[in-house]
Amino acid sequence: MTIDQTLRLLAKARGLTAAEIAAAIPRVGAATVSAWMRGEKTPGSAQLDALARAFGVPAGALLATLAATLDPARTRGEHDLLAAYRTLNTRQQGALLEVARTMAQAPPRKSRGD
């Protein structure tokens, strides 16, 4: 889930408007919070801490989401795989993890050209 999706979900769950969220964050207006929620801008680390306090969630929950979207060590395939994984329900995620663990433990197969 992207940071803007997370912010929209938390705002809806708490029944907060962009103006109400902005009031809890020093030097941030409702227009900026709205831009964050639309994915047009990204909050800085101090702002993420204030957002976490405003929503009553651990800052790491918001930071982990942001870090996952910015991690340069991940390949495009890893980002695509993670995005697809996040669309699955809990049962499907568990099944996929089991398949992946089994594949990771299996010895590599030789291709027909070997």
PDB file of N, CA and C in Angstrom:
ATOM      1  N   MET A   1       0.857  -1.172   0.000  1.00  0.00           N
ATOM      2  CA  MET A   1       0.000   0.000   0.000  1.00  0.00           C
ATOM      3  C   MET A   1       0.904   1.236   0.000  1.00  0.00           C
ATOM      4  N   THR A   2       0.589   2.182  -0.836  1.00  0.00           N
ATOM      5  CA  THR A   2       1.390   3.407  -0.906  1.00  0.00           C
ATOM      6  C   THR A   2       1.033   4.337   0.249  1.00  0.00           C
ATOM      7  N   ILE A   3       1.903   5.312   0.477  1.00  0.00           N
ATOM      8  CA  ILE A   3       1.700   6.234   1.606  1.00  0.00           C
ATOM      9  C   ILE A   3       0.393   7.009   1.451  1.00  0.00           C
ATOM     10  N   ASP A   4       0.051   7.419   0.233  1.00  0.00           N
ATOM     11  CA  ASP A   4      -1.206   8.165   0.043  1.00  0.00           C
ATOM     12  C   ASP A   4      -2.412   7.274   0.337  1.00  0.00           C
ATOM     13  N   GLN A   5      -2.355   6.010  -0.063  1.00  0.00           N
ATOM     14  CA  GLN A   5      -3.448   5.089   0.235  1.00  0.00           C
ATOM     15  C   GLN A   5      -3.576   4.880   1.743  1.00  0.00           C
ATOM     16  N   THR A   6      -2.435   4.745   2.407  1.00  0.00           N
ATOM     17  CA  THR A   6      -2.436   4.567   3.862  1.00  0.00           C
ATOM     18  C   THR A   6      -3.043   5.778   4.551  1.00  0.00           C
ATOM     19  N   LEU A   7      -2.649   6.974   4.113  1.00  0.00           N
ATOM     20  CA  LEU A   7      -3.181   8.188   4.722  1.00  0.00           C
ATOM     21  C   LEU A   7      -4.688   8.311   4.506  1.00  0.00           C
ATOM     22  N   ARG A   8      -5.142   8.012   3.299  1.00  0.00           N
ATOM     23  CA  ARG A   8      -6.590   8.072   3.028  1.00  0.00           C
ATOM     24  C   ARG A   8      -7.350   7.074   3.881  1.00  0.00           C
ATOM     25  N   LEU A   9      -6.813   5.861   4.000  1.00  0.00           N
ATOM     26  CA  LEU A   9      -7.456   4.828   4.799  1.00  0.00           C
ATOM     27  C   LEU A   9      -7.528   5.233   6.270  1.00  0.00           C
ATOM     28  N   LEU A  10      -6.416   5.748   6.808  1.00  0.00           N
ATOM     29  CA  LEU A  10      -6.401   6.169   8.212  1.00  0.00           C
ATOM     30  C   LEU A  10      -7.344   7.345   8.449  1.00  0.00           C
ATOM     31  N   ALA A  11      -7.346   8.296   7.527  1.00  0.00           N
ATOM     32  CA  ALA A  11      -8.233   9.460   7.670  1.00  0.00           C
ATOM     33  C   ALA A  11      -9.690   9.020   7.670  1.00  0.00           C
ATOM     34  N   LYS A  12     -10.038   8.117   6.767  1.00  0.00           N
ATOM     35  CA  LYS A  12     -11.416   7.634   6.696  1.00  0.00           C
ATOM     36  C   LYS A  12     -11.783   6.862   7.961  1.00  0.00           C
ATOM     37  N   ALA A  13     -10.867   6.014   8.420  1.00  0.00           N
ATOM     38  CA  ALA A  13     -11.133   5.215   9.618  1.00  0.00           C
ATOM     39  C   ALA A  13     -11.320   6.082  10.861  1.00  0.00           C
ATOM     40  N   ARG A  14     -10.597   7.198  10.922  1.00  0.00           N
ATOM     41  CA  ARG A  14     -10.685   8.088  12.080  1.00  0.00           C
ATOM     42  C   ARG A  14     -11.720   9.198  11.879  1.00  0.00           C
ATOM     43  N   GLY A  15     -12.272   9.290  10.666  1.00  0.00           N
ATOM     44  CA  GLY A  15     -13.254  10.328  10.375  1.00  0.00           C
ATOM     45  C   GLY A  15     -12.651  11.724  10.374  1.00  0.00           C
ATOM     46  N   LEU A  16     -11.389  11.827   9.924  1.00  0.00           N
ATOM     47  CA  LEU A  16     -10.687  13.115   9.927  1.00  0.00           C
ATOM     48  C   LEU A  16     -10.626  13.717   8.531  1.00  0.00           C
ATOM     49  N   THR A  17     -10.774  15.028   8.460  1.00  0.00           N
ATOM     50  CA  THR A  17     -10.608  15.744   7.197  1.00  0.00           C
ATOM     51  C   THR A  17      -9.147  16.168   7.055  1.00  0.00           C
ATOM     52  N   ALA A  18      -8.770  16.601   5.868  1.00  0.00           N
ATOM     53  CA  ALA A  18      -7.411  17.093   5.648  1.00  0.00           C
ATOM     54  C   ALA A  18      -7.112  18.274   6.561  1.00  0.00           C
ATOM     55  N   ALA A  19      -8.088  19.133   6.778  1.00  0.00           N
ATOM     56  CA  ALA A  19      -7.899  20.297   7.658  1.00  0.00           C
ATOM     57  C   ALA A  19      -7.665  19.865   9.100  1.00  0.00           C
ATOM     58  N   GLU A  20      -8.383  18.843   9.546  1.00  0.00           N
ATOM     59  CA  GLU A  20      -8.207  18.355  10.916  1.00  0.00           C
ATOM     60  C   GLU A  20      -6.838  17.689  11.091  1.00  0.00           C
ATOM     61  N   ILE A  21      -6.406  16.976  10.081  1.00  0.00           N
ATOM     62  CA  ILE A  21      -5.075  16.358  10.139  1.00  0.00           C
ATOM     63  C   ILE A  21      -4.005  17.440  10.139  1.00  0.00           C
ATOM     64  N   ALA A  22      -4.169  18.433   9.276  1.00  0.00           N
ATOM     65  CA  ALA A  22      -3.192  19.532   9.185  1.00  0.00           C
ATOM     66  C   ALA A  22      -3.066  20.277  10.498  1.00  0.00           C
ATOM     67  N   ALA A  23      -4.152  20.403  11.237  1.00  0.00           N
ATOM     68  CA  ALA A  23      -4.120  21.111  12.521  1.00  0.00           C
ATOM     69  C   ALA A  23      -3.204  20.416  13.523  1.00  0.00           C
ATOM     70  N   ALA A  24      -2.980  19.114  13.356  1.00  0.00           N
ATOM     71  CA  ALA A  24      -2.123  18.356  14.266  1.00  0.00           C
ATOM     72  C   ALA A  24      -0.659  18.359  13.855  1.00  0.00           C
ATOM     73  N   ILE A  25      -0.351  18.980  12.714  1.00  0.00           N
ATOM     74  CA  ILE A  25       1.012  18.956  12.191  1.00  0.00           C
ATOM     75  C   ILE A  25       1.536  20.389  12.069  1.00  0.00           C
ATOM     76  N   PRO A  26       2.618  20.705  12.774  1.00  0.00           N
ATOM     77  CA  PRO A  26       3.154  22.066  12.719  1.00  0.00           C
ATOM     78  C   PRO A  26       3.539  22.496  11.297  1.00  0.00           C
ATOM     79  N   ARG A  27       3.180  23.713  10.955  1.00  0.00           N
ATOM     80  CA  ARG A  27       3.541  24.365   9.687  1.00  0.00           C
ATOM     81  C   ARG A  27       3.077  23.604   8.437  1.00  0.00           C
ATOM     82  N   VAL A  28       1.926  22.952   8.541  1.00  0.00           N
ATOM     83  CA  VAL A  28       1.365  22.237   7.391  1.00  0.00           C
ATOM     84  C   VAL A  28      -0.092  22.646   7.238  1.00  0.00           C
ATOM     85  N   GLY A  29      -0.481  22.972   6.021  1.00  0.00           N
ATOM     86  CA  GLY A  29      -1.861  23.356   5.754  1.00  0.00           C
ATOM     87  C   GLY A  29      -2.667  22.210   5.173  1.00  0.00           C
ATOM     88  N   ALA A  30      -3.956  22.427   5.097  1.00  0.00           N
ATOM     89  CA  ALA A  30      -4.872  21.413   4.566  1.00  0.00           C
ATOM     90  C   ALA A  30      -4.549  21.070   3.108  1.00  0.00           C
ATOM     91  N   ALA A  31      -4.096  22.070   2.328  1.00  0.00           N
ATOM     92  CA  ALA A  31      -3.769  21.806   0.923  1.00  0.00           C
ATOM     93  C   ALA A  31      -2.598  20.831   0.808  1.00  0.00           C
ATOM     94  N   THR A  32      -1.628  20.958   1.707  1.00  0.00           N
ATOM     95  CA  THR A  32      -0.482  20.045   1.697  1.00  0.00           C
ATOM     96  C   THR A  32      -0.917  18.636   2.076  1.00  0.00           C
ATOM     97  N   VAL A  33      -1.725  18.521   3.107  1.00  0.00           N
ATOM     98  CA  VAL A  33      -2.222  17.202   3.515  1.00  0.00           C
ATOM     99  C   VAL A  33      -3.034  16.583   2.374  1.00  0.00           C
ATOM    100  N   SER A  34      -3.854  17.368   1.721  1.00  0.00           N
ATOM    101  CA  SER A  34      -4.628  16.862   0.577  1.00  0.00           C
ATOM    102  C   SER A  34      -3.706  16.356  -0.523  1.00  0.00           C
ATOM    103  N   ALA A  35      -2.608  17.083  -0.780  1.00  0.00           N
ATOM    104  CA  ALA A  35      -1.642  16.657  -1.799  1.00  0.00           C
ATOM    105  C   ALA A  35      -0.974  15.342  -1.405  1.00  0.00           C
ATOM    106  N   TRP A  36      -0.690  15.167  -0.114  1.00  0.00           N
ATOM    107  CA  TRP A  36      -0.140  13.891   0.362  1.00  0.00           C
ATOM    108  C   TRP A  36      -1.129  12.764   0.115  1.00  0.00           C
ATOM    109  N   MET A  37      -2.391  13.039   0.397  1.00  0.00           N
ATOM    110  CA  MET A  37      -3.423  12.012   0.275  1.00  0.00           C
ATOM    111  C   MET A  37      -3.738  11.680  -1.180  1.00  0.00           C
ATOM    112  N   ARG A  38      -3.419  12.587  -2.082  1.00  0.00           N
ATOM    113  CA  ARG A  38      -3.588  12.321  -3.518  1.00  0.00           C
ATOM    114  C   ARG A  38      -2.328  11.724  -4.135  1.00  0.00           C
ATOM    115  N   GLY A  39      -1.245  11.644  -3.365  1.00  0.00           N
ATOM    116  CA  GLY A  39       0.015  11.105  -3.878  1.00  0.00           C
ATOM    117  C   GLY A  39       0.813  12.091  -4.696  1.00  0.00           C
ATOM    118  N   GLU A  40       0.474  13.365  -4.626  1.00  0.00           N
ATOM    119  CA  GLU A  40       1.182  14.394  -5.390  1.00  0.00           C
ATOM    120  C   GLU A  40       2.441  14.869  -4.679  1.00  0.00           C
ATOM    121  N   LYS A  41       2.467  14.741  -3.361  1.00  0.00           N
ATOM    122  CA  LYS A  41       3.619  15.121  -2.547  1.00  0.00           C
ATOM    123  C   LYS A  41       3.837  14.034  -1.509  1.00  0.00           C
ATOM    124  N   THR A  42       5.047  14.036  -0.927  1.00  0.00           N
ATOM    125  CA  THR A  42       5.381  13.068   0.113  1.00  0.00           C
ATOM    126  C   THR A  42       5.792  13.812   1.367  1.00  0.00           C
ATOM    127  N   PRO A  43       5.238  13.443   2.508  1.00  0.00           N
ATOM    128  CA  PRO A  43       5.626  14.116   3.754  1.00  0.00           C
ATOM    129  C   PRO A  43       7.063  13.782   4.142  1.00  0.00           C
ATOM    130  N   GLY A  44       7.716  14.733   4.820  1.00  0.00           N
ATOM    131  CA  GLY A  44       9.062  14.507   5.330  1.00  0.00           C
ATOM    132  C   GLY A  44       9.015  13.676   6.604  1.00  0.00           C
ATOM    133  N   SER A  45      10.181  13.320   7.136  1.00  0.00           N
ATOM    134  CA  SER A  45      10.215  12.430   8.300  1.00  0.00           C
ATOM    135  C   SER A  45       9.582  13.065   9.537  1.00  0.00           C
ATOM    136  N   ALA A  46       9.816  14.364   9.774  1.00  0.00           N
ATOM    137  CA  ALA A  46       9.191  15.023  10.931  1.00  0.00           C
ATOM    138  C   ALA A  46       7.671  15.055  10.764  1.00  0.00           C
ATOM    139  N   GLN A  47       7.232  15.267   9.538  1.00  0.00           N
ATOM    140  CA  GLN A  47       5.802  15.287   9.260  1.00  0.00           C
ATOM    141  C   GLN A  47       5.197  13.896   9.415  1.00  0.00           C
ATOM    142  N   LEU A  48       5.955  12.860   9.040  1.00  0.00           N
ATOM    143  CA  LEU A  48       5.467  11.496   9.220  1.00  0.00           C
ATOM    144  C   LEU A  48       5.303  11.168  10.699  1.00  0.00           C
ATOM    145  N   ASP A  49       6.236  11.637  11.520  1.00  0.00           N
ATOM    146  CA  ASP A  49       6.111  11.424  12.967  1.00  0.00           C
ATOM    147  C   ASP A  49       4.837  12.091  13.496  1.00  0.00           C
ATOM    148  N   ALA A  50       4.588  13.321  13.054  1.00  0.00           N
ATOM    149  CA  ALA A  50       3.383  14.038  13.488  1.00  0.00           C
ATOM    150  C   ALA A  50       2.120  13.344  12.973  1.00  0.00           C
ATOM    151  N   LEU A  51       2.167  12.836  11.749  1.00  0.00           N
ATOM    152  CA  LEU A  51       1.029  12.091  11.202  1.00  0.00           C
ATOM    153  C   LEU A  51       0.757  10.839  12.026  1.00  0.00           C
ATOM    154  N   ALA A  52       1.817  10.132  12.373  1.00  0.00           N
ATOM    155  CA  ALA A  52       1.654   8.919  13.173  1.00  0.00           C
ATOM    156  C   ALA A  52       0.997   9.242  14.512  1.00  0.00           C
ATOM    157  N   ARG A  53       1.427  10.332  15.148  1.00  0.00           N
ATOM    158  CA  ARG A  53       0.809  10.739  16.412  1.00  0.00           C
ATOM    159  C   ARG A  53      -0.659  11.112  16.207  1.00  0.00           C
ATOM    160  N   ALA A  54      -0.939  11.841  15.133  1.00  0.00           N
ATOM    161  CA  ALA A  54      -2.318  12.268  14.858  1.00  0.00           C
ATOM    162  C   ALA A  54      -3.242  11.073  14.637  1.00  0.00           C
ATOM    163  N   PHE A  55      -2.724  10.022  14.000  1.00  0.00           N
ATOM    164  CA  PHE A  55      -3.540   8.848  13.716  1.00  0.00           C
ATOM    165  C   PHE A  55      -3.469   7.801  14.827  1.00  0.00           C
ATOM    166  N   GLY A  56      -2.536   7.977  15.752  1.00  0.00           N
ATOM    167  CA  GLY A  56      -2.394   7.012  16.833  1.00  0.00           C
ATOM    168  C   GLY A  56      -1.833   5.684  16.383  1.00  0.00           C
ATOM    169  N   VAL A  57      -0.907   5.744  15.414  1.00  0.00           N
ATOM    170  CA  VAL A  57      -0.255   4.523  14.927  1.00  0.00           C
ATOM    171  C   VAL A  57       1.250   4.668  15.119  1.00  0.00           C
ATOM    172  N   PRO A  58       2.001   3.571  15.142  1.00  0.00           N
ATOM    173  CA  PRO A  58       3.453   3.681  15.249  1.00  0.00           C
ATOM    174  C   PRO A  58       4.029   4.369  14.007  1.00  0.00           C
ATOM    175  N   ALA A  59       5.013   5.222  14.219  1.00  0.00           N
ATOM    176  CA  ALA A  59       5.633   5.923  13.088  1.00  0.00           C
ATOM    177  C   ALA A  59       6.208   4.931  12.088  1.00  0.00           C
ATOM    178  N   GLY A  60       6.696   3.813  12.581  1.00  0.00           N
ATOM    179  CA  GLY A  60       7.258   2.801  11.696  1.00  0.00           C
ATOM    180  C   GLY A  60       6.270   2.278  10.679  1.00  0.00           C
ATOM    181  N   ALA A  61       4.998   2.278  11.019  1.00  0.00           N
ATOM    182  CA  ALA A  61       3.981   1.804  10.079  1.00  0.00           C
ATOM    183  C   ALA A  61       3.939   2.697   8.844  1.00  0.00           C
ATOM    184  N   LEU A  62       4.033   3.996   9.056  1.00  0.00           N
ATOM    185  CA  LEU A  62       4.042   4.928   7.928  1.00  0.00           C
ATOM    186  C   LEU A  62       5.402   4.931   7.243  1.00  0.00           C
ATOM    187  N   LEU A  63       6.461   4.878   8.024  1.00  0.00           N
ATOM    188  CA  LEU A  63       7.811   4.921   7.465  1.00  0.00           C
ATOM    189  C   LEU A  63       8.106   3.673   6.652  1.00  0.00           C
ATOM    190  N   ALA A  64       7.638   2.524   7.101  1.00  0.00           N
ATOM    191  CA  ALA A  64       7.870   1.290   6.355  1.00  0.00           C
ATOM    192  C   ALA A  64       7.217   1.351   4.988  1.00  0.00           C
ATOM    193  N   THR A  65       6.028   1.914   4.943  1.00  0.00           N
ATOM    194  CA  THR A  65       5.334   2.060   3.664  1.00  0.00           C
ATOM    195  C   THR A  65       6.124   2.960   2.736  1.00  0.00           C
ATOM    196  N   LEU A  66       6.605   4.078   3.263  1.00  0.00           N
ATOM    197  CA  LEU A  66       7.376   5.015   2.452  1.00  0.00           C
ATOM    198  C   LEU A  66       8.689   4.389   2.011  1.00  0.00           C
ATOM    199  N   ALA A  67       9.383   3.723   2.924  1.00  0.00           N
ATOM    200  CA  ALA A  67      10.671   3.116   2.588  1.00  0.00           C
ATOM    201  C   ALA A  67      10.517   2.063   1.498  1.00  0.00           C
ATOM    202  N   ALA A  68       9.432   1.312   1.557  1.00  0.00           N
ATOM    203  CA  ALA A  68       9.217   0.277   0.555  1.00  0.00           C
ATOM    204  C   ALA A  68       9.049   0.871  -0.837  1.00  0.00           C
ATOM    205  N   THR A  69       8.498   2.068  -0.922  1.00  0.00           N
ATOM    206  CA  THR A  69       8.297   2.676  -2.238  1.00  0.00           C
ATOM    207  C   THR A  69       9.562   3.333  -2.759  1.00  0.00           C
ATOM    208  N   LEU A  70      10.524   3.607  -1.870  1.00  0.00           N
ATOM    209  CA  LEU A  70      11.737   4.322  -2.279  1.00  0.00           C
ATOM    210  C   LEU A  70      12.987   3.460  -2.275  1.00  0.00           C
ATOM    211  N   ASP A  71      12.895   2.196  -1.886  1.00  0.00           N
ATOM    212  CA  ASP A  71      14.063   1.335  -1.727  1.00  0.00           C
ATOM    213  C   ASP A  71      14.740   1.091  -3.073  1.00  0.00           C
ATOM    214  N   PRO A  72      15.919   1.692  -3.293  1.00  0.00           N
ATOM    215  CA  PRO A  72      16.590   1.515  -4.590  1.00  0.00           C
ATOM    216  C   PRO A  72      17.184   0.128  -4.766  1.00  0.00           C
ATOM    217  N   ALA A  73      17.300  -0.642  -3.672  1.00  0.00           N
ATOM    218  CA  ALA A  73      17.866  -1.979  -3.777  1.00  0.00           C
ATOM    219  C   ALA A  73      16.878  -2.972  -4.391  1.00  0.00           C
ATOM    220  N   ARG A  74      15.608  -2.636  -4.382  1.00  0.00           N
ATOM    221  CA  ARG A  74      14.613  -3.535  -4.954  1.00  0.00           C
ATOM    222  C   ARG A  74      14.575  -3.381  -6.468  1.00  0.00           C
ATOM    223  N   THR A  75      14.450  -4.500  -7.120  1.00  0.00           N
ATOM    224  CA  THR A  75      14.323  -4.469  -8.578  1.00  0.00           C
ATOM    225  C   THR A  75      12.881  -4.158  -8.944  1.00  0.00           C
ATOM    226  N   ARG A  76      12.652  -3.859 -10.195  1.00  0.00           N
ATOM    227  CA  ARG A  76      11.289  -3.612 -10.661  1.00  0.00           C
ATOM    228  C   ARG A  76      10.419  -4.841 -10.417  1.00  0.00           C
ATOM    229  N   GLY A  77      10.983  -6.022 -10.639  1.00  0.00           N
ATOM    230  CA  GLY A  77      10.246  -7.255 -10.411  1.00  0.00           C
ATOM    231  C   GLY A  77       9.845  -7.421  -8.956  1.00  0.00           C
ATOM    232  N   GLU A  78      10.732  -7.041  -8.034  1.00  0.00           N
ATOM    233  CA  GLU A  78      10.416  -7.132  -6.613  1.00  0.00           C
ATOM    234  C   GLU A  78       9.283  -6.178  -6.244  1.00  0.00           C
ATOM    235  N   HIS A  79       9.327  -4.977  -6.797  1.00  0.00           N
ATOM    236  CA  HIS A  79       8.245  -4.020  -6.546  1.00  0.00           C
ATOM    237  C   HIS A  79       6.920  -4.555  -7.096  1.00  0.00           C
ATOM    238  N   ASP A  80       6.964  -5.129  -8.292  1.00  0.00           N
ATOM    239  CA  ASP A  80       5.750  -5.685  -8.893  1.00  0.00           C
ATOM    240  C   ASP A  80       5.222  -6.854  -8.071  1.00  0.00           C
ATOM    241  N   LEU A  81       6.129  -7.718  -7.612  1.00  0.00           N
ATOM    242  CA  LEU A  81       5.730  -8.866  -6.802  1.00  0.00           C
ATOM    243  C   LEU A  81       5.098  -8.413  -5.490  1.00  0.00           C
ATOM    244  N   LEU A  82       5.700  -7.430  -4.843  1.00  0.00           N
ATOM    245  CA  LEU A  82       5.161  -6.918  -3.585  1.00  0.00           C
ATOM    246  C   LEU A  82       3.787  -6.284  -3.800  1.00  0.00           C
ATOM    247  N   ALA A  83       3.641  -5.530  -4.868  1.00  0.00           N
ATOM    248  CA  ALA A  83       2.345  -4.905  -5.161  1.00  0.00           C
ATOM    249  C   ALA A  83       1.273  -5.973  -5.395  1.00  0.00           C
ATOM    250  N   ALA A  84       1.617  -7.031  -6.126  1.00  0.00           N
ATOM    251  CA  ALA A  84       0.661  -8.110  -6.376  1.00  0.00           C
ATOM    252  C   ALA A  84       0.329  -8.840  -5.078  1.00  0.00           C
ATOM    253  N   TYR A  85       1.339  -9.090  -4.245  1.00  0.00           N
ATOM    254  CA  TYR A  85       1.139  -9.771  -2.955  1.00  0.00           C
ATOM    255  C   TYR A  85       0.154  -9.000  -2.089  1.00  0.00           C
ATOM    256  N   ARG A  86       0.276  -7.683  -2.084  1.00  0.00           N
ATOM    257  CA  ARG A  86      -0.584  -6.851  -1.240  1.00  0.00           C
ATOM    258  C   ARG A  86      -2.041  -6.843  -1.694  1.00  0.00           C
ATOM    259  N   THR A  87      -2.313  -7.278  -2.913  1.00  0.00           N
ATOM    260  CA  THR A  87      -3.699  -7.333  -3.378  1.00  0.00           C
ATOM    261  C   THR A  87      -4.392  -8.623  -2.955  1.00  0.00           C
ATOM    262  N   LEU A  88      -3.617  -9.594  -2.467  1.00  0.00           N
ATOM    263  CA  LEU A  88      -4.174 -10.892  -2.084  1.00  0.00           C
ATOM    264  C   LEU A  88      -4.791 -10.839  -0.693  1.00  0.00           C
ATOM    265  N   ASN A  89      -5.733 -11.751  -0.444  1.00  0.00           N
ATOM    266  CA  ASN A  89      -6.269 -11.854   0.913  1.00  0.00           C
ATOM    267  C   ASN A  89      -5.278 -12.639   1.772  1.00  0.00           C
ATOM    268  N   THR A  90      -5.515 -12.709   3.061  1.00  0.00           N
ATOM    269  CA  THR A  90      -4.579 -13.335   3.996  1.00  0.00           C
ATOM    270  C   THR A  90      -4.308 -14.801   3.655  1.00  0.00           C
ATOM    271  N   ARG A  91      -5.345 -15.539   3.297  1.00  0.00           N
ATOM    272  CA  ARG A  91      -5.169 -16.947   2.938  1.00  0.00           C
ATOM    273  C   ARG A  91      -4.298 -17.102   1.692  1.00  0.00           C
ATOM    274  N   GLN A  92      -4.539 -16.265   0.703  1.00  0.00           N
ATOM    275  CA  GLN A  92      -3.752 -16.318  -0.527  1.00  0.00           C
ATOM    276  C   GLN A  92      -2.293 -15.925  -0.255  1.00  0.00           C
ATOM    277  N   GLN A  93      -2.085 -14.920   0.598  1.00  0.00           N
ATOM    278  CA  GLN A  93      -0.724 -14.516   0.939  1.00  0.00           C
ATOM    279  C   GLN A  93       0.027 -15.662   1.600  1.00  0.00           C
ATOM    280  N   GLY A  94      -0.644 -16.367   2.528  1.00  0.00           N
ATOM    281  CA  GLY A  94      -0.015 -17.504   3.195  1.00  0.00           C
ATOM    282  C   GLY A  94       0.367 -18.601   2.220  1.00  0.00           C
ATOM    283  N   ALA A  95      -0.524 -18.897   1.284  1.00  0.00           N
ATOM    284  CA  ALA A  95      -0.249 -19.930   0.285  1.00  0.00           C
ATOM    285  C   ALA A  95       0.919 -19.530  -0.602  1.00  0.00           C
ATOM    286  N   LEU A  96       0.951 -18.278  -1.017  1.00  0.00           N
ATOM    287  CA  LEU A  96       2.042 -17.803  -1.860  1.00  0.00           C
ATOM    288  C   LEU A  96       3.376 -17.855  -1.121  1.00  0.00           C
ATOM    289  N   LEU A  97       3.389 -17.473   0.149  1.00  0.00           N
ATOM    290  CA  LEU A  97       4.613 -17.545   0.940  1.00  0.00           C
ATOM    291  C   LEU A  97       5.104 -18.985   1.069  1.00  0.00           C
ATOM    292  N   GLU A  98       4.182 -19.906   1.257  1.00  0.00           N
ATOM    293  CA  GLU A  98       4.564 -21.323   1.364  1.00  0.00           C
ATOM    294  C   GLU A  98       5.206 -21.805   0.067  1.00  0.00           C
ATOM    295  N   VAL A  99       4.619 -21.443  -1.069  1.00  0.00           N
ATOM    296  CA  VAL A  99       5.194 -21.820  -2.365  1.00  0.00           C
ATOM    297  C   VAL A  99       6.584 -21.208  -2.517  1.00  0.00           C
ATOM    298  N   ALA A 100       6.724 -19.948  -2.177  1.00  0.00           N
ATOM    299  CA  ALA A 100       8.014 -19.276  -2.309  1.00  0.00           C
ATOM    300  C   ALA A 100       9.073 -19.921  -1.413  1.00  0.00           C
ATOM    301  N   ARG A 101       8.702 -20.252  -0.177  1.00  0.00           N
ATOM    302  CA  ARG A 101       9.656 -20.898   0.737  1.00  0.00           C
ATOM    303  C   ARG A 101      10.082 -22.267   0.195  1.00  0.00           C
ATOM    304  N   THR A 102       9.134 -23.010  -0.328  1.00  0.00           N
ATOM    305  CA  THR A 102       9.445 -24.324  -0.897  1.00  0.00           C
ATOM    306  C   THR A 102      10.389 -24.174  -2.081  1.00  0.00           C
ATOM    307  N   MET A 103      10.114 -23.205  -2.943  1.00  0.00           N
ATOM    308  CA  MET A 103      10.971 -22.975  -4.110  1.00  0.00           C
ATOM    309  C   MET A 103      12.368 -22.543  -3.692  1.00  0.00           C
ATOM    310  N   ALA A 104      12.464 -21.735  -2.656  1.00  0.00           N
ATOM    311  CA  ALA A 104      13.765 -21.239  -2.197  1.00  0.00           C
ATOM    312  C   ALA A 104      14.615 -22.363  -1.603  1.00  0.00           C
ATOM    313  N   GLN A 105      13.981 -23.388  -1.038  1.00  0.00           N
ATOM    314  CA  GLN A 105      14.714 -24.492  -0.411  1.00  0.00           C
ATOM    315  C   GLN A 105      15.079 -25.583  -1.402  1.00  0.00           C
ATOM    316  N   ALA A 106      14.416 -25.624  -2.536  1.00  0.00           N
ATOM    317  CA  ALA A 106      14.670 -26.671  -3.527  1.00  0.00           C
ATOM    318  C   ALA A 106      15.994 -26.419  -4.233  1.00  0.00           C
ATOM    319  N   PRO A 107      16.726 -27.485  -4.554  1.00  0.00           N
ATOM    320  CA  PRO A 107      17.966 -27.279  -5.312  1.00  0.00           C
ATOM    321  C   PRO A 107      17.649 -26.743  -6.700  1.00  0.00           C
ATOM    322  N   PRO A 108      18.541 -25.932  -7.237  1.00  0.00           N
ATOM    323  CA  PRO A 108      18.278 -25.378  -8.582  1.00  0.00           C
ATOM    324  C   PRO A 108      18.165 -26.494  -9.619  1.00  0.00           C
ATOM    325  N   ARG A 109      17.230 -26.309 -10.530  1.00  0.00           N
ATOM    326  CA  ARG A 109      17.039 -27.294 -11.599  1.00  0.00           C
ATOM    327  C   ARG A 109      17.921 -26.933 -12.773  1.00  0.00           C
ATOM    328  N   LYS A 110      18.455 -27.969 -13.423  1.00  0.00           N
ATOM    329  CA  LYS A 110      19.249 -27.734 -14.605  1.00  0.00           C
ATOM    330  C   LYS A 110      18.333 -27.471 -15.784  1.00  0.00           C
ATOM    331  N   SER A 111      18.733 -26.529 -16.610  1.00  0.00           N
ATOM    332  CA  SER A 111      17.921 -26.265 -17.807  1.00  0.00           C
ATOM    333  C   SER A 111      18.239 -27.327 -18.851  1.00  0.00           C
ATOM    334  N   ARG A 112      17.419 -27.449 -19.842  1.00  0.00           N
ATOM    335  CA  ARG A 112      17.622 -28.482 -20.879  1.00  0.00           C
ATOM    336  C   ARG A 112      18.873 -28.237 -21.700  1.00  0.00           C
ATOM    337  N   GLY A 113      19.346 -27.022 -21.705  1.00  0.00           N
ATOM    338  CA  GLY A 113      20.546 -26.698 -22.489  1.00  0.00           C
ATOM    339  C   GLY A 113      21.825 -27.074 -21.777  1.00  0.00           C
ATOM    340  N   ASP A 114      21.756 -27.538 -20.498  1.00  0.00           N
ATOM    341  CA  ASP A 114      22.957 -27.893 -19.744  1.00  0.00           C
ATOM    342  C   ASP A 114      23.440 -29.279 -20.017  1.00  0.00           C
TER     343      ASP A 114
END
